Amino acid sequence: SGSFAGYSDWRVPNVKELQSIVNYENVVPAVSPAFNTACAPACTVLTCSCTVSSYYWSSSTYANFPTFAWAVSFFDGNVGAGVESNNFYVRAVRAGS
């Protein structure tokens, strides 16, 4: 419970939603410029969209191993499963978004 940037309906996207913002024509990060704008020390969550070239968690559990979840790398667009104790990033989306 709580709000962020004026909204309280944030969630972690599933793997298909997260993979949908990968742009395989770009690397480091592998996203379109709209998801990596003006990233600078003065950025705030309301003024910039910054994507680190690393793995981001999805909300999708890996079926064969329930302690694993799917993750997407925004370094190169790779999708893979990782143990949930890994320190990956999270890109939140709003419910219904």
N, C-alpha and C. Protein backbone atom coordinates (compact mmCIF):
# COMPACT_ATOMS: atom_id res chain seq x y z
N SER A 1 0.84 -1.18 0.00
CA SER A 1 0.00 0.00 0.00
C SER A 1 0.88 1.23 0.00
N GLY A 2 0.40 2.28 -0.58
CA GLY A 2 1.16 3.50 -0.72
C GLY A 2 1.10 3.97 -2.16
N SER A 3 1.69 5.13 -2.40
CA SER A 3 1.66 5.63 -3.76
C SER A 3 3.06 6.05 -4.20
N PHE A 4 3.21 6.15 -5.50
CA PHE A 4 4.45 6.57 -6.12
C PHE A 4 4.09 7.40 -7.34
N ALA A 5 4.68 8.57 -7.46
CA ALA A 5 4.42 9.48 -8.58
C ALA A 5 2.92 9.79 -8.72
N GLY A 6 2.22 9.80 -7.60
CA GLY A 6 0.81 10.15 -7.60
C GLY A 6 -0.16 9.02 -7.89
N TYR A 7 0.35 7.79 -8.02
CA TYR A 7 -0.52 6.64 -8.31
C TYR A 7 -0.25 5.52 -7.31
N SER A 8 -1.25 4.69 -7.08
CA SER A 8 -1.08 3.58 -6.15
C SER A 8 -1.42 2.23 -6.78
N ASP A 9 -1.44 2.17 -8.11
CA ASP A 9 -1.79 0.91 -8.78
C ASP A 9 -0.61 0.30 -9.54
N TRP A 10 0.60 0.47 -9.03
CA TRP A 10 1.80 -0.07 -9.67
C TRP A 10 1.92 -1.57 -9.46
N ARG A 11 2.55 -2.26 -10.42
CA ARG A 11 2.79 -3.70 -10.32
C ARG A 11 4.03 -4.04 -11.13
N VAL A 12 4.55 -5.24 -10.93
CA VAL A 12 5.67 -5.76 -11.71
C VAL A 12 5.08 -6.42 -12.96
N PRO A 13 5.55 -6.08 -14.15
CA PRO A 13 4.99 -6.66 -15.38
C PRO A 13 5.34 -8.13 -15.54
N ASN A 14 4.51 -8.86 -16.31
CA ASN A 14 4.87 -10.25 -16.62
C ASN A 14 5.96 -10.24 -17.68
N VAL A 15 6.53 -11.39 -17.98
CA VAL A 15 7.69 -11.45 -18.87
C VAL A 15 7.34 -10.97 -20.28
N LYS A 16 6.14 -11.25 -20.77
CA LYS A 16 5.77 -10.81 -22.12
C LYS A 16 5.63 -9.29 -22.18
N GLU A 17 5.08 -8.69 -21.13
CA GLU A 17 4.97 -7.24 -21.09
C GLU A 17 6.35 -6.59 -21.05
N LEU A 18 7.23 -7.15 -20.24
CA LEU A 18 8.57 -6.60 -20.11
C LEU A 18 9.35 -6.75 -21.41
N GLN A 19 9.23 -7.90 -22.04
CA GLN A 19 9.93 -8.14 -23.30
C GLN A 19 9.38 -7.24 -24.42
N SER A 20 8.15 -6.78 -24.28
CA SER A 20 7.55 -5.96 -25.34
C SER A 20 8.24 -4.61 -25.50
N ILE A 21 9.01 -4.16 -24.51
CA ILE A 21 9.70 -2.88 -24.68
C ILE A 21 11.15 -3.06 -25.13
N VAL A 22 11.58 -4.31 -25.34
CA VAL A 22 12.91 -4.55 -25.89
C VAL A 22 12.93 -4.11 -27.35
N ASN A 23 13.98 -3.42 -27.72
CA ASN A 23 14.20 -3.05 -29.11
C ASN A 23 15.51 -3.69 -29.53
N TYR A 24 15.41 -4.75 -30.35
CA TYR A 24 16.59 -5.52 -30.73
C TYR A 24 17.50 -4.79 -31.70
N GLU A 25 17.09 -3.61 -32.16
CA GLU A 25 17.97 -2.79 -32.99
C GLU A 25 18.92 -1.96 -32.13
N ASN A 26 18.69 -1.93 -30.83
CA ASN A 26 19.52 -1.17 -29.90
C ASN A 26 20.16 -2.12 -28.90
N VAL A 27 21.32 -1.75 -28.42
CA VAL A 27 21.95 -2.47 -27.31
C VAL A 27 22.51 -1.45 -26.33
N VAL A 28 22.67 -1.89 -25.13
CA VAL A 28 23.28 -1.10 -24.05
C VAL A 28 22.64 0.27 -23.91
N PRO A 29 21.40 0.44 -23.60
CA PRO A 29 20.40 -0.60 -23.35
C PRO A 29 19.61 -0.96 -24.62
N ALA A 30 19.02 -2.13 -24.60
CA ALA A 30 18.24 -2.65 -25.73
C ALA A 30 16.77 -2.23 -25.61
N VAL A 31 16.56 -0.92 -25.58
CA VAL A 31 15.21 -0.36 -25.54
C VAL A 31 15.15 0.83 -26.48
N SER A 32 13.95 1.21 -26.85
CA SER A 32 13.75 2.41 -27.66
C SER A 32 14.09 3.63 -26.83
N PRO A 33 14.46 4.73 -27.48
CA PRO A 33 14.82 5.94 -26.74
C PRO A 33 13.74 6.43 -25.77
N ALA A 34 12.49 6.14 -26.03
CA ALA A 34 11.41 6.57 -25.13
C ALA A 34 11.57 5.98 -23.73
N PHE A 35 12.27 4.85 -23.61
CA PHE A 35 12.46 4.20 -22.31
C PHE A 35 13.83 4.52 -21.71
N ASN A 36 14.56 5.43 -22.33
CA ASN A 36 15.88 5.80 -21.83
C ASN A 36 16.16 7.25 -22.22
N THR A 37 15.42 8.18 -21.64
CA THR A 37 15.51 9.58 -22.01
C THR A 37 16.26 10.41 -20.98
N ALA A 38 17.15 11.22 -21.44
CA ALA A 38 17.81 12.23 -20.62
C ALA A 38 18.27 11.73 -19.25
N CYS A 39 18.85 10.57 -19.20
CA CYS A 39 19.32 10.03 -17.93
C CYS A 39 20.56 10.79 -17.48
N ALA A 40 20.40 11.53 -16.41
CA ALA A 40 21.47 12.36 -15.88
C ALA A 40 21.33 12.43 -14.37
N PRO A 41 22.36 12.85 -13.67
CA PRO A 41 22.28 12.92 -12.21
C PRO A 41 21.10 13.73 -11.68
N ALA A 42 20.64 14.72 -12.42
CA ALA A 42 19.54 15.57 -11.96
C ALA A 42 18.16 14.96 -12.23
N CYS A 43 18.10 13.79 -12.82
CA CYS A 43 16.81 13.17 -13.16
C CYS A 43 16.01 12.83 -11.91
N THR A 44 14.70 12.90 -12.09
CA THR A 44 13.78 12.40 -11.08
C THR A 44 12.85 11.41 -11.77
N VAL A 45 12.08 10.68 -11.01
CA VAL A 45 11.14 9.72 -11.59
C VAL A 45 10.07 10.40 -12.42
N LEU A 46 9.87 11.67 -12.23
CA LEU A 46 8.86 12.41 -12.98
C LEU A 46 9.42 13.07 -14.24
N THR A 47 10.76 13.18 -14.36
CA THR A 47 11.33 13.88 -15.51
C THR A 47 12.12 13.00 -16.46
N CYS A 48 12.51 11.81 -16.07
CA CYS A 48 13.35 10.96 -16.91
C CYS A 48 12.88 9.50 -16.87
N SER A 49 13.23 8.79 -17.91
CA SER A 49 13.01 7.35 -17.95
C SER A 49 14.36 6.72 -18.22
N CYS A 50 14.95 6.12 -17.21
CA CYS A 50 16.29 5.56 -17.33
C CYS A 50 16.24 4.04 -17.27
N THR A 51 16.96 3.40 -18.19
CA THR A 51 17.03 1.94 -18.22
C THR A 51 18.47 1.52 -18.08
N VAL A 52 18.78 0.80 -17.04
CA VAL A 52 20.11 0.26 -16.81
C VAL A 52 20.28 -0.96 -17.71
N SER A 53 21.45 -1.13 -18.29
CA SER A 53 21.73 -2.28 -19.16
C SER A 53 22.00 -3.51 -18.31
N SER A 54 20.95 -4.05 -17.72
CA SER A 54 21.06 -5.17 -16.82
C SER A 54 19.76 -5.97 -16.85
N TYR A 55 19.68 -6.99 -16.00
CA TYR A 55 18.45 -7.80 -15.92
C TYR A 55 17.39 -7.11 -15.07
N TYR A 56 16.14 -7.27 -15.49
CA TYR A 56 14.98 -6.76 -14.77
C TYR A 56 14.04 -7.94 -14.51
N TRP A 57 13.52 -8.02 -13.29
CA TRP A 57 12.59 -9.08 -12.92
C TRP A 57 11.24 -8.89 -13.59
N SER A 58 10.61 -10.00 -13.89
CA SER A 58 9.20 -10.00 -14.27
C SER A 58 8.42 -10.65 -13.13
N SER A 59 7.12 -10.62 -13.22
CA SER A 59 6.28 -11.28 -12.21
C SER A 59 6.00 -12.74 -12.58
N SER A 60 6.56 -13.21 -13.71
CA SER A 60 6.30 -14.57 -14.20
C SER A 60 7.23 -15.58 -13.54
N THR A 61 6.66 -16.55 -12.87
CA THR A 61 7.42 -17.62 -12.24
C THR A 61 7.86 -18.63 -13.29
N TYR A 62 9.04 -19.17 -13.12
CA TYR A 62 9.56 -20.22 -14.00
C TYR A 62 8.93 -21.53 -13.57
N ALA A 63 8.15 -22.17 -14.44
CA ALA A 63 7.32 -23.32 -14.08
C ALA A 63 8.10 -24.49 -13.49
N ASN A 64 9.28 -24.79 -14.02
CA ASN A 64 10.02 -25.97 -13.55
C ASN A 64 10.65 -25.79 -12.18
N PHE A 65 10.90 -24.55 -11.80
CA PHE A 65 11.53 -24.26 -10.51
C PHE A 65 10.81 -23.07 -9.87
N PRO A 66 9.94 -23.32 -8.89
CA PRO A 66 9.14 -22.23 -8.32
C PRO A 66 9.94 -21.15 -7.60
N THR A 67 11.22 -21.38 -7.32
CA THR A 67 12.03 -20.32 -6.70
C THR A 67 12.74 -19.47 -7.76
N PHE A 68 12.43 -19.72 -9.03
CA PHE A 68 12.99 -18.95 -10.14
C PHE A 68 11.88 -18.11 -10.76
N ALA A 69 12.26 -17.01 -11.39
CA ALA A 69 11.32 -16.18 -12.14
C ALA A 69 12.01 -15.76 -13.44
N TRP A 70 11.19 -15.37 -14.42
CA TRP A 70 11.72 -14.90 -15.69
C TRP A 70 12.23 -13.48 -15.55
N ALA A 71 13.31 -13.19 -16.24
CA ALA A 71 13.90 -11.85 -16.24
C ALA A 71 14.30 -11.48 -17.66
N VAL A 72 14.34 -10.19 -17.93
CA VAL A 72 14.71 -9.68 -19.26
C VAL A 72 15.96 -8.81 -19.10
N SER A 73 16.95 -9.05 -19.95
CA SER A 73 18.16 -8.24 -19.94
C SER A 73 17.99 -7.07 -20.90
N PHE A 74 18.13 -5.87 -20.38
CA PHE A 74 18.10 -4.70 -21.26
C PHE A 74 19.49 -4.33 -21.73
N PHE A 75 20.45 -5.22 -21.54
CA PHE A 75 21.76 -5.08 -22.18
C PHE A 75 21.61 -5.47 -23.65
N ASP A 76 20.99 -6.65 -23.88
CA ASP A 76 20.88 -7.17 -25.25
C ASP A 76 19.52 -7.77 -25.58
N GLY A 77 18.56 -7.73 -24.67
CA GLY A 77 17.23 -8.28 -24.93
C GLY A 77 17.06 -9.74 -24.59
N ASN A 78 18.07 -10.36 -24.00
CA ASN A 78 17.99 -11.77 -23.62
C ASN A 78 16.92 -11.99 -22.55
N VAL A 79 16.20 -13.10 -22.68
CA VAL A 79 15.20 -13.48 -21.68
C VAL A 79 15.66 -14.79 -21.06
N GLY A 80 15.66 -14.85 -19.74
CA GLY A 80 16.08 -16.06 -19.06
C GLY A 80 15.48 -16.13 -17.68
N ALA A 81 15.67 -17.27 -17.05
CA ALA A 81 15.16 -17.47 -15.69
C ALA A 81 16.30 -17.31 -14.71
N GLY A 82 15.98 -16.73 -13.56
CA GLY A 82 16.97 -16.55 -12.52
C GLY A 82 16.39 -16.88 -11.16
N VAL A 83 17.25 -17.28 -10.25
CA VAL A 83 16.80 -17.58 -8.90
C VAL A 83 16.39 -16.25 -8.25
N GLU A 84 15.29 -16.28 -7.54
CA GLU A 84 14.68 -15.05 -7.03
C GLU A 84 15.53 -14.31 -6.00
N SER A 85 16.61 -14.92 -5.53
CA SER A 85 17.50 -14.22 -4.60
C SER A 85 18.50 -13.31 -5.32
N ASN A 86 18.54 -13.36 -6.67
CA ASN A 86 19.41 -12.47 -7.43
C ASN A 86 18.98 -11.03 -7.27
N ASN A 87 19.92 -10.13 -7.29
CA ASN A 87 19.63 -8.70 -7.19
C ASN A 87 19.48 -8.10 -8.59
N PHE A 88 18.29 -8.22 -9.16
CA PHE A 88 17.98 -7.64 -10.45
C PHE A 88 17.17 -6.37 -10.24
N TYR A 89 17.04 -5.58 -11.29
CA TYR A 89 16.23 -4.37 -11.24
C TYR A 89 14.76 -4.69 -11.43
N VAL A 90 13.90 -3.71 -11.18
CA VAL A 90 12.45 -3.84 -11.40
C VAL A 90 11.98 -2.59 -12.12
N ARG A 91 11.21 -2.78 -13.18
CA ARG A 91 10.57 -1.67 -13.89
C ARG A 91 9.08 -1.84 -13.66
N ALA A 92 8.50 -0.96 -12.90
CA ALA A 92 7.08 -1.06 -12.56
C ALA A 92 6.21 -0.52 -13.68
N VAL A 93 5.02 -1.08 -13.79
CA VAL A 93 3.99 -0.58 -14.71
C VAL A 93 2.72 -0.35 -13.88
N ARG A 94 1.85 0.44 -14.43
CA ARG A 94 0.61 0.67 -13.72
C ARG A 94 -0.40 -0.39 -14.09
N ALA A 95 -1.24 -0.77 -13.16
CA ALA A 95 -2.26 -1.79 -13.38
C ALA A 95 -3.07 -1.43 -14.61
N GLY A 96 -3.29 -2.41 -15.47
CA GLY A 96 -4.06 -2.17 -16.69
C GLY A 96 -3.26 -1.51 -17.78
N SER A 97 -2.00 -1.17 -17.50
CA SER A 97 -1.15 -0.50 -18.51
C SER A 97 -0.52 -1.53 -19.41
